Amino acid sequence: MAGWIETLTDPNILVAALVSMAVLATFYSLVAPLLERGDLAKRMKSVATEREQIAPASAPGSMPRRRPAGRASGHSTTPPSGRSSSG
């Protein structure tokens, strides 16, 4: 019984066990995504179906228009004095 305890607490054995677990975890993390099924087509179809269900609910043209870039605050970009900043 004492032989097993010495073997399990031997630093060389502990390091070898930890390294082997790290290698196994790395291998698994690299290979697992390759073995996973690709459900992208199924998700794309469900998104398209959802979009078709939402579209008739909103009237055409009732969607809010996007503001042009740089005018999000609704304020003019000219200085308060009325002169342009370019001089």
PDB file of N, CA and C in Angstrom:
ATOM      1  N   MET A   1       0.824  -1.195   0.000  1.00  0.00           N
ATOM      2  CA  MET A   1       0.000   0.000   0.000  1.00  0.00           C
ATOM      3  C   MET A   1       0.865   1.254   0.000  1.00  0.00           C
ATOM      4  N   ALA A   2       1.960   1.236   0.741  1.00  0.00           N
ATOM      5  CA  ALA A   2       2.833   2.408   0.812  1.00  0.00           C
ATOM      6  C   ALA A   2       3.495   2.662  -0.533  1.00  0.00           C
ATOM      7  N   GLY A   3       3.709   1.616  -1.314  1.00  0.00           N
ATOM      8  CA  GLY A   3       4.312   1.774  -2.636  1.00  0.00           C
ATOM      9  C   GLY A   3       3.431   2.597  -3.580  1.00  0.00           C
ATOM     10  N   TRP A   4       2.114   2.397  -3.492  1.00  0.00           N
ATOM     11  CA  TRP A   4       1.192   3.151  -4.335  1.00  0.00           C
ATOM     12  C   TRP A   4       1.176   4.627  -3.960  1.00  0.00           C
ATOM     13  N   ILE A   5       1.200   4.900  -2.685  1.00  0.00           N
ATOM     14  CA  ILE A   5       1.180   6.294  -2.221  1.00  0.00           C
ATOM     15  C   ILE A   5       2.446   7.012  -2.674  1.00  0.00           C
ATOM     16  N   GLU A   6       3.585   6.348  -2.552  1.00  0.00           N
ATOM     17  CA  GLU A   6       4.842   6.956  -3.003  1.00  0.00           C
ATOM     18  C   GLU A   6       4.833   7.172  -4.510  1.00  0.00           C
ATOM     19  N   THR A   7       4.261   6.243  -5.231  1.00  0.00           N
ATOM     20  CA  THR A   7       4.200   6.377  -6.683  1.00  0.00           C
ATOM     21  C   THR A   7       3.274   7.525  -7.096  1.00  0.00           C
ATOM     22  N   LEU A   8       2.117   7.635  -6.438  1.00  0.00           N
ATOM     23  CA  LEU A   8       1.164   8.682  -6.787  1.00  0.00           C
ATOM     24  C   LEU A   8       1.628  10.075  -6.368  1.00  0.00           C
ATOM     25  N   THR A   9       2.459  10.170  -5.369  1.00  0.00           N
ATOM     26  CA  THR A   9       2.948  11.475  -4.916  1.00  0.00           C
ATOM     27  C   THR A   9       4.330  11.811  -5.466  1.00  0.00           C
ATOM     28  N   ASP A  10       4.873  10.965  -6.298  1.00  0.00           N
ATOM     29  CA  ASP A  10       6.169  11.222  -6.904  1.00  0.00           C
ATOM     30  C   ASP A  10       6.027  12.415  -7.860  1.00  0.00           C
ATOM     31  N   PRO A  11       6.865  13.446  -7.731  1.00  0.00           N
ATOM     32  CA  PRO A  11       6.753  14.634  -8.600  1.00  0.00           C
ATOM     33  C   PRO A  11       6.855  14.309 -10.091  1.00  0.00           C
ATOM     34  N   ASN A  12       7.676  13.352 -10.450  1.00  0.00           N
ATOM     35  CA  ASN A  12       7.784  12.980 -11.863  1.00  0.00           C
ATOM     36  C   ASN A  12       6.476  12.420 -12.405  1.00  0.00           C
ATOM     37  N   ILE A  13       5.809  11.615 -11.606  1.00  0.00           N
ATOM     38  CA  ILE A  13       4.532  11.029 -12.020  1.00  0.00           C
ATOM     39  C   ILE A  13       3.465  12.120 -12.092  1.00  0.00           C
ATOM     40  N   LEU A  14       3.435  13.020 -11.117  1.00  0.00           N
ATOM     41  CA  LEU A  14       2.446  14.104 -11.113  1.00  0.00           C
ATOM     42  C   LEU A  14       2.617  15.013 -12.320  1.00  0.00           C
ATOM     43  N   VAL A  15       3.851  15.378 -12.643  1.00  0.00           N
ATOM     44  CA  VAL A  15       4.106  16.241 -13.798  1.00  0.00           C
ATOM     45  C   VAL A  15       3.698  15.531 -15.081  1.00  0.00           C
ATOM     46  N   ALA A  16       4.035  14.257 -15.192  1.00  0.00           N
ATOM     47  CA  ALA A  16       3.664  13.503 -16.392  1.00  0.00           C
ATOM     48  C   ALA A  16       2.145  13.412 -16.532  1.00  0.00           C
ATOM     49  N   ALA A  17       1.436  13.221 -15.434  1.00  0.00           N
ATOM     50  CA  ALA A  17      -0.019  13.129 -15.481  1.00  0.00           C
ATOM     51  C   ALA A  17      -0.627  14.476 -15.871  1.00  0.00           C
ATOM     52  N   LEU A  18      -0.129  15.570 -15.310  1.00  0.00           N
ATOM     53  CA  LEU A  18      -0.654  16.894 -15.646  1.00  0.00           C
ATOM     54  C   LEU A  18      -0.364  17.262 -17.098  1.00  0.00           C
ATOM     55  N   VAL A  19       0.819  16.929 -17.581  1.00  0.00           N
ATOM     56  CA  VAL A  19       1.165  17.218 -18.973  1.00  0.00           C
ATOM     57  C   VAL A  19       0.281  16.406 -19.914  1.00  0.00           C
ATOM     58  N   SER A  20       0.055  15.156 -19.583  1.00  0.00           N
ATOM     59  CA  SER A  20      -0.797  14.334 -20.450  1.00  0.00           C
ATOM     60  C   SER A  20      -2.234  14.858 -20.460  1.00  0.00           C
ATOM     61  N   MET A  21      -2.730  15.339 -19.330  1.00  0.00           N
ATOM     62  CA  MET A  21      -4.074  15.926 -19.307  1.00  0.00           C
ATOM     63  C   MET A  21      -4.121  17.208 -20.131  1.00  0.00           C
ATOM     64  N   ALA A  22      -3.067  18.021 -20.063  1.00  0.00           N
ATOM     65  CA  ALA A  22      -3.020  19.257 -20.850  1.00  0.00           C
ATOM     66  C   ALA A  22      -2.986  18.959 -22.346  1.00  0.00           C
ATOM     67  N   VAL A  23      -2.224  17.945 -22.739  1.00  0.00           N
ATOM     68  CA  VAL A  23      -2.164  17.558 -24.152  1.00  0.00           C
ATOM     69  C   VAL A  23      -3.521  17.054 -24.611  1.00  0.00           C
ATOM     70  N   LEU A  24      -4.170  16.247 -23.805  1.00  0.00           N
ATOM     71  CA  LEU A  24      -5.485  15.734 -24.153  1.00  0.00           C
ATOM     72  C   LEU A  24      -6.503  16.873 -24.282  1.00  0.00           C
ATOM     73  N   ALA A  25      -6.478  17.817 -23.362  1.00  0.00           N
ATOM     74  CA  ALA A  25      -7.410  18.943 -23.420  1.00  0.00           C
ATOM     75  C   ALA A  25      -7.150  19.805 -24.654  1.00  0.00           C
ATOM     76  N   THR A  26      -5.898  20.029 -24.995  1.00  0.00           N
ATOM     77  CA  THR A  26      -5.564  20.804 -26.193  1.00  0.00           C
ATOM     78  C   THR A  26      -6.032  20.083 -27.444  1.00  0.00           C
ATOM     79  N   PHE A  27      -5.780  18.811 -27.513  1.00  0.00           N
ATOM     80  CA  PHE A  27      -6.207  18.019 -28.665  1.00  0.00           C
ATOM     81  C   PHE A  27      -7.726  18.060 -28.802  1.00  0.00           C
ATOM     82  N   TYR A  28      -8.428  17.908 -27.694  1.00  0.00           N
ATOM     83  CA  TYR A  28      -9.885  17.942 -27.728  1.00  0.00           C
ATOM     84  C   TYR A  28     -10.398  19.306 -28.185  1.00  0.00           C
ATOM     85  N   SER A  29      -9.783  20.384 -27.675  1.00  0.00           N
ATOM     86  CA  SER A  29     -10.256  21.717 -28.043  1.00  0.00           C
ATOM     87  C   SER A  29     -10.002  22.025 -29.517  1.00  0.00           C
ATOM     88  N   LEU A  30      -9.001  21.392 -30.113  1.00  0.00           N
ATOM     89  CA  LEU A  30      -8.737  21.608 -31.529  1.00  0.00           C
ATOM     90  C   LEU A  30      -9.594  20.718 -32.434  1.00  0.00           C
ATOM     91  N   VAL A  31      -9.921  19.528 -31.987  1.00  0.00           N
ATOM     92  CA  VAL A  31     -10.641  18.571 -32.825  1.00  0.00           C
ATOM     93  C   VAL A  31     -12.161  18.679 -32.646  1.00  0.00           C
ATOM     94  N   ALA A  32     -12.641  19.065 -31.497  1.00  0.00           N
ATOM     95  CA  ALA A  32     -14.082  19.097 -31.238  1.00  0.00           C
ATOM     96  C   ALA A  32     -14.852  19.948 -32.247  1.00  0.00           C
ATOM     97  N   PRO A  33     -14.396  21.153 -32.611  1.00  0.00           N
ATOM     98  CA  PRO A  33     -15.158  21.926 -33.598  1.00  0.00           C
ATOM     99  C   PRO A  33     -15.224  21.249 -34.970  1.00  0.00           C
ATOM    100  N   LEU A  34     -14.228  20.457 -35.312  1.00  0.00           N
ATOM    101  CA  LEU A  34     -14.239  19.767 -36.604  1.00  0.00           C
ATOM    102  C   LEU A  34     -15.274  18.654 -36.636  1.00  0.00           C
ATOM    103  N   LEU A  35     -15.566  18.070 -35.487  1.00  0.00           N
ATOM    104  CA  LEU A  35     -16.520  16.968 -35.416  1.00  0.00           C
ATOM    105  C   LEU A  35     -17.955  17.443 -35.206  1.00  0.00           C
ATOM    106  N   GLU A  36     -18.139  18.743 -34.967  1.00  0.00           N
ATOM    107  CA  GLU A  36     -19.457  19.292 -34.700  1.00  0.00           C
ATOM    108  C   GLU A  36     -20.251  19.389 -35.992  1.00  0.00           C
ATOM    109  N   ARG A  37     -21.551  19.148 -35.894  1.00  0.00           N
ATOM    110  CA  ARG A  37     -22.408  19.274 -37.064  1.00  0.00           C
ATOM    111  C   ARG A  37     -22.620  20.740 -37.383  1.00  0.00           C
ATOM    112  N   GLY A  38     -22.647  21.058 -38.652  1.00  0.00           N
ATOM    113  CA  GLY A  38     -22.893  22.429 -39.072  1.00  0.00           C
ATOM    114  C   GLY A  38     -24.384  22.677 -39.228  1.00  0.00           C
ATOM    115  N   ASP A  39     -24.952  23.507 -38.375  1.00  0.00           N
ATOM    116  CA  ASP A  39     -26.380  23.814 -38.425  1.00  0.00           C
ATOM    117  C   ASP A  39     -26.640  25.198 -38.999  1.00  0.00           C
ATOM    118  N   LEU A  40     -25.685  25.741 -39.754  1.00  0.00           N
ATOM    119  CA  LEU A  40     -25.838  27.087 -40.276  1.00  0.00           C
ATOM    120  C   LEU A  40     -27.019  27.180 -41.234  1.00  0.00           C
ATOM    121  N   ALA A  41     -27.187  26.215 -42.111  1.00  0.00           N
ATOM    122  CA  ALA A  41     -28.296  26.252 -43.072  1.00  0.00           C
ATOM    123  C   ALA A  41     -29.640  26.228 -42.342  1.00  0.00           C
ATOM    124  N   LYS A  42     -29.728  25.433 -41.300  1.00  0.00           N
ATOM    125  CA  LYS A  42     -30.967  25.352 -40.518  1.00  0.00           C
ATOM    126  C   LYS A  42     -31.262  26.676 -39.829  1.00  0.00           C
ATOM    127  N   ARG A  43     -30.226  27.309 -39.267  1.00  0.00           N
ATOM    128  CA  ARG A  43     -30.416  28.605 -38.605  1.00  0.00           C
ATOM    129  C   ARG A  43     -30.798  29.691 -39.604  1.00  0.00           C
ATOM    130  N   MET A  44     -30.158  29.672 -40.781  1.00  0.00           N
ATOM    131  CA  MET A  44     -30.474  30.673 -41.800  1.00  0.00           C
ATOM    132  C   MET A  44     -31.935  30.538 -42.243  1.00  0.00           C
ATOM    133  N   LYS A  45     -32.404  29.314 -42.379  1.00  0.00           N
ATOM    134  CA  LYS A  45     -33.790  29.089 -42.780  1.00  0.00           C
ATOM    135  C   LYS A  45     -34.744  29.590 -41.709  1.00  0.00           C
ATOM    136  N   SER A  46     -34.424  29.355 -40.442  1.00  0.00           N
ATOM    137  CA  SER A  46     -35.309  29.817 -39.373  1.00  0.00           C
ATOM    138  C   SER A  46     -35.328  31.344 -39.295  1.00  0.00           C
ATOM    139  N   VAL A  47     -34.195  31.980 -39.558  1.00  0.00           N
ATOM    140  CA  VAL A  47     -34.151  33.449 -39.561  1.00  0.00           C
ATOM    141  C   VAL A  47     -34.980  33.992 -40.713  1.00  0.00           C
ATOM    142  N   ALA A  48     -34.884  33.367 -41.889  1.00  0.00           N
ATOM    143  CA  ALA A  48     -35.665  33.813 -43.042  1.00  0.00           C
ATOM    144  C   ALA A  48     -37.157  33.651 -42.786  1.00  0.00           C
ATOM    145  N   THR A  49     -37.532  32.538 -42.167  1.00  0.00           N
ATOM    146  CA  THR A  49     -38.934  32.307 -41.836  1.00  0.00           C
ATOM    147  C   THR A  49     -39.437  33.351 -40.852  1.00  0.00           C
ATOM    148  N   GLU A  50     -38.621  33.644 -39.850  1.00  0.00           N
ATOM    149  CA  GLU A  50     -38.996  34.661 -38.858  1.00  0.00           C
ATOM    150  C   GLU A  50     -39.129  36.026 -39.521  1.00  0.00           C
ATOM    151  N   ARG A  51     -38.231  36.351 -40.434  1.00  0.00           N
ATOM    152  CA  ARG A  51     -38.287  37.633 -41.135  1.00  0.00           C
ATOM    153  C   ARG A  51     -39.563  37.737 -41.964  1.00  0.00           C
ATOM    154  N   GLU A  52     -39.954  36.632 -42.609  1.00  0.00           N
ATOM    155  CA  GLU A  52     -41.185  36.635 -43.394  1.00  0.00           C
ATOM    156  C   GLU A  52     -42.409  36.815 -42.515  1.00  0.00           C
ATOM    157  N   GLN A  53     -42.378  36.283 -41.305  1.00  0.00           N
ATOM    158  CA  GLN A  53     -43.505  36.442 -40.394  1.00  0.00           C
ATOM    159  C   GLN A  53     -43.582  37.862 -39.861  1.00  0.00           C
ATOM    160  N   ILE A  54     -42.446  38.503 -39.655  1.00  0.00           N
ATOM    161  CA  ILE A  54     -42.425  39.859 -39.109  1.00  0.00           C
ATOM    162  C   ILE A  54     -42.791  40.878 -40.186  1.00  0.00           C
ATOM    163  N   ALA A  55     -42.334  40.688 -41.417  1.00  0.00           N
ATOM    164  CA  ALA A  55     -42.517  41.663 -42.483  1.00  0.00           C
ATOM    165  C   ALA A  55     -43.986  42.023 -42.722  1.00  0.00           C
ATOM    166  N   PRO A  56     -44.927  41.086 -42.832  1.00  0.00           N
ATOM    167  CA  PRO A  56     -46.315  41.493 -43.061  1.00  0.00           C
ATOM    168  C   PRO A  56     -46.915  42.254 -41.886  1.00  0.00           C
ATOM    169  N   ALA A  57     -46.400  42.058 -40.693  1.00  0.00           N
ATOM    170  CA  ALA A  57     -46.950  42.728 -39.520  1.00  0.00           C
ATOM    171  C   ALA A  57     -46.702  44.228 -39.577  1.00  0.00           C
ATOM    172  N   SER A  58     -45.617  44.653 -40.190  1.00  0.00           N
ATOM    173  CA  SER A  58     -45.335  46.078 -40.286  1.00  0.00           C
ATOM    174  C   SER A  58     -45.748  46.559 -41.668  1.00  0.00           C
ATOM    175  N   ALA A  59     -46.386  47.710 -41.715  1.00  0.00           N
ATOM    176  CA  ALA A  59     -46.833  48.268 -42.990  1.00  0.00           C
ATOM    177  C   ALA A  59     -45.636  48.729 -43.801  1.00  0.00           C
ATOM    178  N   PRO A  60     -45.728  48.651 -45.124  1.00  0.00           N
ATOM    179  CA  PRO A  60     -44.600  49.121 -45.941  1.00  0.00           C
ATOM    180  C   PRO A  60     -44.395  50.618 -45.734  1.00  0.00           C
ATOM    181  N   GLY A  61     -43.170  50.994 -45.537  1.00  0.00           N
ATOM    182  CA  GLY A  61     -42.847  52.398 -45.321  1.00  0.00           C
ATOM    183  C   GLY A  61     -42.948  52.837 -43.873  1.00  0.00           C
ATOM    184  N   SER A  62     -43.388  51.967 -42.991  1.00  0.00           N
ATOM    185  CA  SER A  62     -43.501  52.365 -41.593  1.00  0.00           C
ATOM    186  C   SER A  62     -42.202  52.176 -40.829  1.00  0.00           C
ATOM    187  N   MET A  63     -41.218  51.600 -41.500  1.00  0.00           N
ATOM    188  CA  MET A  63     -39.921  51.404 -40.862  1.00  0.00           C
ATOM    189  C   MET A  63     -39.242  52.763 -40.707  1.00  0.00           C
ATOM    190  N   PRO A  64     -38.644  53.050 -39.560  1.00  0.00           N
ATOM    191  CA  PRO A  64     -37.952  54.329 -39.392  1.00  0.00           C
ATOM    192  C   PRO A  64     -36.743  54.408 -40.306  1.00  0.00           C
ATOM    193  N   ARG A  65     -36.519  55.571 -40.862  1.00  0.00           N
ATOM    194  CA  ARG A  65     -35.386  55.752 -41.757  1.00  0.00           C
ATOM    195  C   ARG A  65     -34.128  55.966 -40.935  1.00  0.00           C
ATOM    196  N   ARG A  66     -33.011  55.479 -41.460  1.00  0.00           N
ATOM    197  CA  ARG A  66     -31.734  55.645 -40.782  1.00  0.00           C
ATOM    198  C   ARG A  66     -31.201  57.029 -41.071  1.00  0.00           C
ATOM    199  N   ARG A  67     -30.606  57.646 -40.065  1.00  0.00           N
ATOM    200  CA  ARG A  67     -30.000  58.960 -40.250  1.00  0.00           C
ATOM    201  C   ARG A  67     -28.663  58.808 -40.945  1.00  0.00           C
ATOM    202  N   PRO A  68     -28.297  59.781 -41.741  1.00  0.00           N
ATOM    203  CA  PRO A  68     -26.968  59.718 -42.356  1.00  0.00           C
ATOM    204  C   PRO A  68     -25.884  59.797 -41.294  1.00  0.00           C
ATOM    205  N   ALA A  69     -24.731  59.244 -41.594  1.00  0.00           N
ATOM    206  CA  ALA A  69     -23.623  59.247 -40.635  1.00  0.00           C
ATOM    207  C   ALA A  69     -23.199  60.674 -40.332  1.00  0.00           C
ATOM    208  N   GLY A  70     -22.896  60.956 -39.085  1.00  0.00           N
ATOM    209  CA  GLY A  70     -22.423  62.267 -38.676  1.00  0.00           C
ATOM    210  C   GLY A  70     -23.526  63.222 -38.279  1.00  0.00           C
ATOM    211  N   ARG A  71     -24.770  62.818 -38.398  1.00  0.00           N
ATOM    212  CA  ARG A  71     -25.864  63.706 -38.057  1.00  0.00           C
ATOM    213  C   ARG A  71     -26.764  63.068 -37.016  1.00  0.00           C
ATOM    214  N   ALA A  72     -26.199  62.218 -36.189  1.00  0.00           N
ATOM    215  CA  ALA A  72     -26.996  61.479 -35.213  1.00  0.00           C
ATOM    216  C   ALA A  72     -27.637  62.395 -34.188  1.00  0.00           C
ATOM    217  N   SER A  73     -26.996  63.518 -33.849  1.00  0.00           N
ATOM    218  CA  SER A  73     -27.545  64.398 -32.825  1.00  0.00           C
ATOM    219  C   SER A  73     -28.596  65.336 -33.385  1.00  0.00           C
ATOM    220  N   GLY A  74     -28.642  65.501 -34.720  1.00  0.00           N
ATOM    221  CA  GLY A  74     -29.618  66.392 -35.322  1.00  0.00           C
ATOM    222  C   GLY A  74     -29.161  67.830 -35.367  1.00  0.00           C
ATOM    223  N   HIS A  75     -27.954  68.117 -34.903  1.00  0.00           N
ATOM    224  CA  HIS A  75     -27.425  69.476 -34.899  1.00  0.00           C
ATOM    225  C   HIS A  75     -26.570  69.705 -36.126  1.00  0.00           C
ATOM    226  N   SER A  76     -26.467  70.955 -36.501  1.00  0.00           N
ATOM    227  CA  SER A  76     -25.628  71.328 -37.620  1.00  0.00           C
ATOM    228  C   SER A  76     -24.169  71.240 -37.217  1.00  0.00           C
ATOM    229  N   THR A  77     -23.313  71.015 -38.198  1.00  0.00           N
ATOM    230  CA  THR A  77     -21.889  70.923 -37.902  1.00  0.00           C
ATOM    231  C   THR A  77     -21.192  72.267 -38.044  1.00  0.00           C
ATOM    232  N   THR A  78     -21.934  73.329 -38.378  1.00  0.00           N
ATOM    233  CA  THR A  78     -21.308  74.644 -38.504  1.00  0.00           C
ATOM    234  C   THR A  78     -21.153  75.267 -37.124  1.00  0.00           C
ATOM    235  N   PRO A  79     -20.126  76.097 -36.936  1.00  0.00           N
ATOM    236  CA  PRO A  79     -19.933  76.737 -35.645  1.00  0.00           C
ATOM    237  C   PRO A  79     -21.061  77.715 -35.337  1.00  0.00           C
ATOM    238  N   PRO A  80     -21.276  78.066 -34.077  1.00  0.00           N
ATOM    239  CA  PRO A  80     -22.373  78.952 -33.707  1.00  0.00           C
ATOM    240  C   PRO A  80     -22.280  80.335 -34.352  1.00  0.00           C
ATOM    241  N   SER A  81     -21.088  80.794 -34.717  1.00  0.00           N
ATOM    242  CA  SER A  81     -20.961  82.122 -35.306  1.00  0.00           C
ATOM    243  C   SER A  81     -21.500  82.167 -36.728  1.00  0.00           C
ATOM    244  N   GLY A  82     -21.741  81.029 -37.333  1.00  0.00           N
ATOM    245  CA  GLY A  82     -22.262  80.983 -38.679  1.00  0.00           C
ATOM    246  C   GLY A  82     -21.183  80.871 -39.726  1.00  0.00           C
ATOM    247  N   ARG A  83     -19.929  80.997 -39.333  1.00  0.00           N
ATOM    248  CA  ARG A  83     -18.827  80.863 -40.292  1.00  0.00           C
ATOM    249  C   ARG A  83     -18.377  79.411 -40.323  1.00  0.00           C
ATOM    250  N   SER A  84     -17.818  79.036 -41.435  1.00  0.00           N
ATOM    251  CA  SER A  84     -17.300  77.674 -41.519  1.00  0.00           C
ATOM    252  C   SER A  84     -15.947  77.594 -40.840  1.00  0.00           C
ATOM    253  N   SER A  85     -15.570  76.414 -40.423  1.00  0.00           N
ATOM    254  CA  SER A  85     -14.327  76.241 -39.688  1.00  0.00           C
ATOM    255  C   SER A  85     -13.121  76.232 -40.605  1.00  0.00           C
ATOM    256  N   SER A  86     -13.316  76.145 -41.939  1.00  0.00           N
ATOM    257  CA  SER A  86     -12.166  76.060 -42.843  1.00  0.00           C
ATOM    258  C   SER A  86     -11.535  77.421 -43.092  1.00  0.00           C
ATOM    259  N   GLY A  87     -12.187  78.533 -42.742  1.00  0.00           N
ATOM    260  CA  GLY A  87     -11.532  79.811 -42.782  1.00  0.00           C
ATOM    261  C   GLY A  87     -11.978  80.656 -43.859  1.00  0.00           C
TER     262      GLY A  87
END
